[in-house]
Amino acid sequence: MSTTWLIELMAAPAALGFALLFNVPPKALWMCGILAVSGHAVRKLVLTMDGDIVFGTLLAALLIGIVAELWADRHNQPGVIYAISAAIPMIPGKSMYQSVQALLGIATMSAEADGTALLVAAGVHGVKAIMIVLALAFGIAAPLLLLPKRGR
């Protein structure tokens, strides 16, 4: 097993930390960790096959949302307690940081300097971050809207 795939296991502690923060029942914690790792693995698989991070995030969020809803129906709990904490480690912090860093670079430039490259970088990273967050939201919400309601 390659060491680059080991980073996917780090999604579990992050998801468990947020699950504890959101008072997820202790019996449900392990499923939050499994969903986080599987979601990260799906996104990594799409990226490994030269796919787009937004598409990979959408597939990962759909997997998390579907499994969370099916598991929640089986255990008579809301699926949100599994899905949200599992998806939070996929929030695009790096893209958000790069966007803000480019904007701060523009703010500290002199009036004569050309900030076109920084402005383009801020826009590209900002749009990428927004699209990833939208993919997460749609992927988690889609099973709620599309799966038949069983006992809800």
C-alpha atoms as a PDB file:
ATOM      1  CA  MET A   1       0.000   0.000   0.000  1.00  0.00           C
ATOM      2  CA  SER A   2       1.357   3.355  -1.016  1.00  0.00           C
ATOM      3  CA  THR A   3       2.036   5.974   1.635  1.00  0.00           C
ATOM      4  CA  THR A   4      -0.012   8.524  -0.312  1.00  0.00           C
ATOM      5  CA  TRP A   5      -3.116   6.479   0.457  1.00  0.00           C
ATOM      6  CA  LEU A   6      -2.353   6.498   4.193  1.00  0.00           C
ATOM      7  CA  ILE A   7      -3.361  10.165   4.353  1.00  0.00           C
ATOM      8  CA  GLU A   8      -6.931   9.057   3.670  1.00  0.00           C
ATOM      9  CA  LEU A   9      -6.964   7.382   7.087  1.00  0.00           C
ATOM     10  CA  MET A  10      -6.430  10.799   8.681  1.00  0.00           C
ATOM     11  CA  ALA A  11      -9.966  11.724   7.679  1.00  0.00           C
ATOM     12  CA  ALA A  12     -11.286   9.493  10.474  1.00  0.00           C
ATOM     13  CA  PRO A  13      -9.818  11.427  13.433  1.00  0.00           C
ATOM     14  CA  ALA A  14     -10.960  14.712  11.895  1.00  0.00           C
ATOM     15  CA  ALA A  15     -14.482  13.358  11.390  1.00  0.00           C
ATOM     16  CA  LEU A  16     -14.557  11.894  14.888  1.00  0.00           C
ATOM     17  CA  GLY A  17     -13.461  15.222  16.349  1.00  0.00           C
ATOM     18  CA  PHE A  18     -16.313  17.042  14.638  1.00  0.00           C
ATOM     19  CA  ALA A  19     -18.729  14.239  15.540  1.00  0.00           C
ATOM     20  CA  LEU A  20     -17.818  14.659  19.204  1.00  0.00           C
ATOM     21  CA  LEU A  21     -18.179  18.427  18.850  1.00  0.00           C
ATOM     22  CA  PHE A  22     -21.690  17.939  17.437  1.00  0.00           C
ATOM     23  CA  ASN A  23     -22.679  15.473  20.195  1.00  0.00           C
ATOM     24  CA  VAL A  24     -23.103  12.471  17.921  1.00  0.00           C
ATOM     25  CA  PRO A  25     -24.175   9.429  19.971  1.00  0.00           C
ATOM     26  CA  PRO A  26     -21.183   7.266  20.932  1.00  0.00           C
ATOM     27  CA  LYS A  27     -22.616   4.240  19.128  1.00  0.00           C
ATOM     28  CA  ALA A  28     -22.566   6.197  15.856  1.00  0.00           C
ATOM     29  CA  LEU A  29     -18.974   7.455  16.043  1.00  0.00           C
ATOM     30  CA  TRP A  30     -17.371   4.518  14.270  1.00  0.00           C
ATOM     31  CA  MET A  31     -19.677   4.918  11.263  1.00  0.00           C
ATOM     32  CA  CYS A  32     -18.723   8.594  10.974  1.00  0.00           C
ATOM     33  CA  GLY A  33     -15.071   7.559  10.776  1.00  0.00           C
ATOM     34  CA  ILE A  34     -15.715   4.865   8.186  1.00  0.00           C
ATOM     35  CA  LEU A  35     -17.743   7.249   6.033  1.00  0.00           C
ATOM     36  CA  ALA A  36     -15.016   9.897   6.210  1.00  0.00           C
ATOM     37  CA  VAL A  37     -12.290   7.465   5.159  1.00  0.00           C
ATOM     38  CA  SER A  38     -14.392   5.977   2.357  1.00  0.00           C
ATOM     39  CA  GLY A  39     -15.347   9.436   1.093  1.00  0.00           C
ATOM     40  CA  HIS A  40     -11.728  10.553   1.061  1.00  0.00           C
ATOM     41  CA  ALA A  41     -10.731   7.323  -0.688  1.00  0.00           C
ATOM     42  CA  VAL A  42     -13.321   7.847  -3.435  1.00  0.00           C
ATOM     43  CA  ARG A  43     -12.138  11.409  -3.994  1.00  0.00           C
ATOM     44  CA  LYS A  44      -8.505  10.245  -4.064  1.00  0.00           C
ATOM     45  CA  LEU A  45      -9.404   7.504  -6.555  1.00  0.00           C
ATOM     46  CA  VAL A  46     -10.995  10.045  -8.915  1.00  0.00           C
ATOM     47  CA  LEU A  47      -7.944  12.306  -8.585  1.00  0.00           C
ATOM     48  CA  THR A  48      -5.626   9.350  -9.224  1.00  0.00           C
ATOM     49  CA  MET A  49      -7.465   8.651 -12.471  1.00  0.00           C
ATOM     50  CA  ASP A  50      -6.784  12.287 -13.553  1.00  0.00           C
ATOM     51  CA  GLY A  51     -10.271  13.410 -12.600  1.00  0.00           C
ATOM     52  CA  ASP A  52     -11.342  16.790 -11.322  1.00  0.00           C
ATOM     53  CA  ILE A  53     -11.414  17.485  -7.584  1.00  0.00           C
ATOM     54  CA  VAL A  54     -14.941  18.903  -7.824  1.00  0.00           C
ATOM     55  CA  PHE A  55     -16.234  15.743  -9.517  1.00  0.00           C
ATOM     56  CA  GLY A  56     -14.350  13.566  -7.042  1.00  0.00           C
ATOM     57  CA  THR A  57     -15.815  15.506  -4.145  1.00  0.00           C
ATOM     58  CA  LEU A  58     -19.305  15.156  -5.601  1.00  0.00           C
ATOM     59  CA  LEU A  59     -18.923  11.367  -5.923  1.00  0.00           C
ATOM     60  CA  ALA A  60     -17.503  11.139  -2.406  1.00  0.00           C
ATOM     61  CA  ALA A  61     -20.325  13.249  -0.962  1.00  0.00           C
ATOM     62  CA  LEU A  62     -22.923  11.156  -2.794  1.00  0.00           C
ATOM     63  CA  LEU A  63     -21.391   8.009  -1.328  1.00  0.00           C
ATOM     64  CA  ILE A  64     -21.381   9.546   2.141  1.00  0.00           C
ATOM     65  CA  GLY A  65     -24.950  10.805   1.785  1.00  0.00           C
ATOM     66  CA  ILE A  66     -26.384   7.540   0.443  1.00  0.00           C
ATOM     67  CA  VAL A  67     -24.660   5.291   2.973  1.00  0.00           C
ATOM     68  CA  ALA A  68     -25.487   7.671   5.820  1.00  0.00           C
ATOM     69  CA  GLU A  69     -29.177   7.685   4.902  1.00  0.00           C
ATOM     70  CA  LEU A  70     -29.351   3.917   4.485  1.00  0.00           C
ATOM     71  CA  TRP A  71     -27.521   3.350   7.770  1.00  0.00           C
ATOM     72  CA  ALA A  72     -29.644   5.934   9.561  1.00  0.00           C
ATOM     73  CA  ASP A  73     -32.889   4.332   8.348  1.00  0.00           C
ATOM     74  CA  ARG A  74     -31.639   0.987   9.613  1.00  0.00           C
ATOM     75  CA  HIS A  75     -30.827   2.385  13.064  1.00  0.00           C
ATOM     76  CA  ASN A  76     -33.712   4.866  13.308  1.00  0.00           C
ATOM     77  CA  GLN A  77     -31.499   7.948  13.541  1.00  0.00           C
ATOM     78  CA  PRO A  78     -31.162  11.037  11.355  1.00  0.00           C
ATOM     79  CA  GLY A  79     -28.615  10.555   8.568  1.00  0.00           C
ATOM     80  CA  VAL A  80     -27.232  14.026   9.079  1.00  0.00           C
ATOM     81  CA  ILE A  81     -25.363  12.913  12.194  1.00  0.00           C
ATOM     82  CA  TYR A  82     -23.258  10.597  10.041  1.00  0.00           C
ATOM     83  CA  ALA A  83     -22.981  12.630   6.863  1.00  0.00           C
ATOM     84  CA  ILE A  84     -22.006  16.078   8.122  1.00  0.00           C
ATOM     85  CA  SER A  85     -19.141  15.017  10.365  1.00  0.00           C
ATOM     86  CA  ALA A  86     -17.844  12.677   7.630  1.00  0.00           C
ATOM     87  CA  ALA A  87     -17.910  15.417   4.990  1.00  0.00           C
ATOM     88  CA  ILE A  88     -16.309  18.210   7.013  1.00  0.00           C
ATOM     89  CA  PRO A  89     -12.740  16.904   6.471  1.00  0.00           C
ATOM     90  CA  MET A  90     -13.280  17.453   2.728  1.00  0.00           C
ATOM     91  CA  ILE A  91     -13.873  21.206   3.123  1.00  0.00           C
ATOM     92  CA  PRO A  92     -11.412  22.887   0.711  1.00  0.00           C
ATOM     93  CA  GLY A  93      -9.252  24.713   3.210  1.00  0.00           C
ATOM     94  CA  LYS A  94      -6.233  24.849   0.901  1.00  0.00           C
ATOM     95  CA  SER A  95      -8.157  26.523  -1.939  1.00  0.00           C
ATOM     96  CA  MET A  96      -9.744  28.990   0.474  1.00  0.00           C
ATOM     97  CA  TYR A  97      -6.351  29.802   1.969  1.00  0.00           C
ATOM     98  CA  GLN A  98      -4.760  30.320  -1.452  1.00  0.00           C
ATOM     99  CA  SER A  99      -7.598  32.621  -2.486  1.00  0.00           C
ATOM    100  CA  VAL A 100      -7.310  34.777   0.626  1.00  0.00           C
ATOM    101  CA  GLN A 101      -3.513  34.768   0.353  1.00  0.00           C
ATOM    102  CA  ALA A 102      -3.738  36.118  -3.205  1.00  0.00           C
ATOM    103  CA  LEU A 103      -6.235  38.792  -2.122  1.00  0.00           C
ATOM    104  CA  LEU A 104      -3.919  39.846   0.690  1.00  0.00           C
ATOM    105  CA  GLY A 105      -1.086  40.001  -1.824  1.00  0.00           C
ATOM    106  CA  ILE A 106      -3.143  42.458  -3.850  1.00  0.00           C
ATOM    107  CA  ALA A 107      -3.898  44.508  -0.750  1.00  0.00           C
ATOM    108  CA  THR A 108      -0.212  44.909   0.086  1.00  0.00           C
ATOM    109  CA  MET A 109       0.893  45.881  -3.436  1.00  0.00           C
ATOM    110  CA  SER A 110       1.920  49.364  -4.405  1.00  0.00           C
ATOM    111  CA  ALA A 111      -0.367  51.349  -6.681  1.00  0.00           C
ATOM    112  CA  GLU A 112       1.994  51.008  -9.659  1.00  0.00           C
ATOM    113  CA  ALA A 113       2.363  47.210  -9.484  1.00  0.00           C
ATOM    114  CA  ASP A 114       0.407  44.890 -11.766  1.00  0.00           C
ATOM    115  CA  GLY A 115      -1.801  42.604  -9.680  1.00  0.00           C
ATOM    116  CA  THR A 116      -3.423  40.752 -12.567  1.00  0.00           C
ATOM    117  CA  ALA A 117      -1.803  37.396 -11.762  1.00  0.00           C
ATOM    118  CA  LEU A 118      -2.785  37.631  -8.111  1.00  0.00           C
ATOM    119  CA  LEU A 119      -6.342  38.582  -9.004  1.00  0.00           C
ATOM    120  CA  VAL A 120      -6.635  35.641 -11.391  1.00  0.00           C
ATOM    121  CA  ALA A 121      -5.180  33.286  -8.751  1.00  0.00           C
ATOM    122  CA  ALA A 122      -7.647  34.556  -6.156  1.00  0.00           C
ATOM    123  CA  GLY A 123     -10.545  34.077  -8.544  1.00  0.00           C
ATOM    124  CA  VAL A 124      -9.504  30.588  -9.643  1.00  0.00           C
ATOM    125  CA  HIS A 125      -8.935  29.324  -6.113  1.00  0.00           C
ATOM    126  CA  GLY A 126     -12.083  31.008  -4.816  1.00  0.00           C
ATOM    127  CA  VAL A 127     -14.295  29.536  -7.521  1.00  0.00           C
ATOM    128  CA  LYS A 128     -12.744  26.103  -6.995  1.00  0.00           C
ATOM    129  CA  ALA A 129     -13.444  26.304  -3.249  1.00  0.00           C
ATOM    130  CA  ILE A 130     -17.049  27.370  -3.837  1.00  0.00           C
ATOM    131  CA  MET A 131     -17.604  24.556  -6.314  1.00  0.00           C
ATOM    132  CA  ILE A 132     -16.197  21.984  -3.895  1.00  0.00           C
ATOM    133  CA  VAL A 133     -18.453  23.215  -1.099  1.00  0.00           C
ATOM    134  CA  LEU A 134     -21.457  23.114  -3.439  1.00  0.00           C
ATOM    135  CA  ALA A 135     -20.535  19.569  -4.491  1.00  0.00           C
ATOM    136  CA  LEU A 136     -20.405  18.551  -0.828  1.00  0.00           C
ATOM    137  CA  ALA A 137     -23.764  20.145  -0.119  1.00  0.00           C
ATOM    138  CA  PHE A 138     -25.442  18.622  -3.164  1.00  0.00           C
ATOM    139  CA  GLY A 139     -23.918  15.193  -2.548  1.00  0.00           C
ATOM    140  CA  ILE A 140     -25.154  15.082   1.029  1.00  0.00           C
ATOM    141  CA  ALA A 141     -28.578  16.546   0.264  1.00  0.00           C
ATOM    142  CA  ALA A 142     -29.325  14.515  -2.883  1.00  0.00           C
ATOM    143  CA  PRO A 143     -30.053  11.220  -1.082  1.00  0.00           C
ATOM    144  CA  LEU A 144     -32.468  13.025   1.228  1.00  0.00           C
ATOM    145  CA  LEU A 145     -34.352  14.276  -1.792  1.00  0.00           C
ATOM    146  CA  LEU A 146     -34.040  11.277  -4.099  1.00  0.00           C
ATOM    147  CA  LEU A 147     -34.236   8.185  -1.899  1.00  0.00           C
ATOM    148  CA  PRO A 148     -37.722   6.988  -0.985  1.00  0.00           C
ATOM    149  CA  LYS A 149     -38.779   7.964   2.499  1.00  0.00           C
ATOM    150  CA  ARG A 150     -38.813   4.959   4.764  1.00  0.00           C
ATOM    151  CA  GLY A 151     -40.155   5.675   8.216  1.00  0.00           C
ATOM    152  CA  ARG A 152     -39.275   9.375   8.133  1.00  0.00           C
END
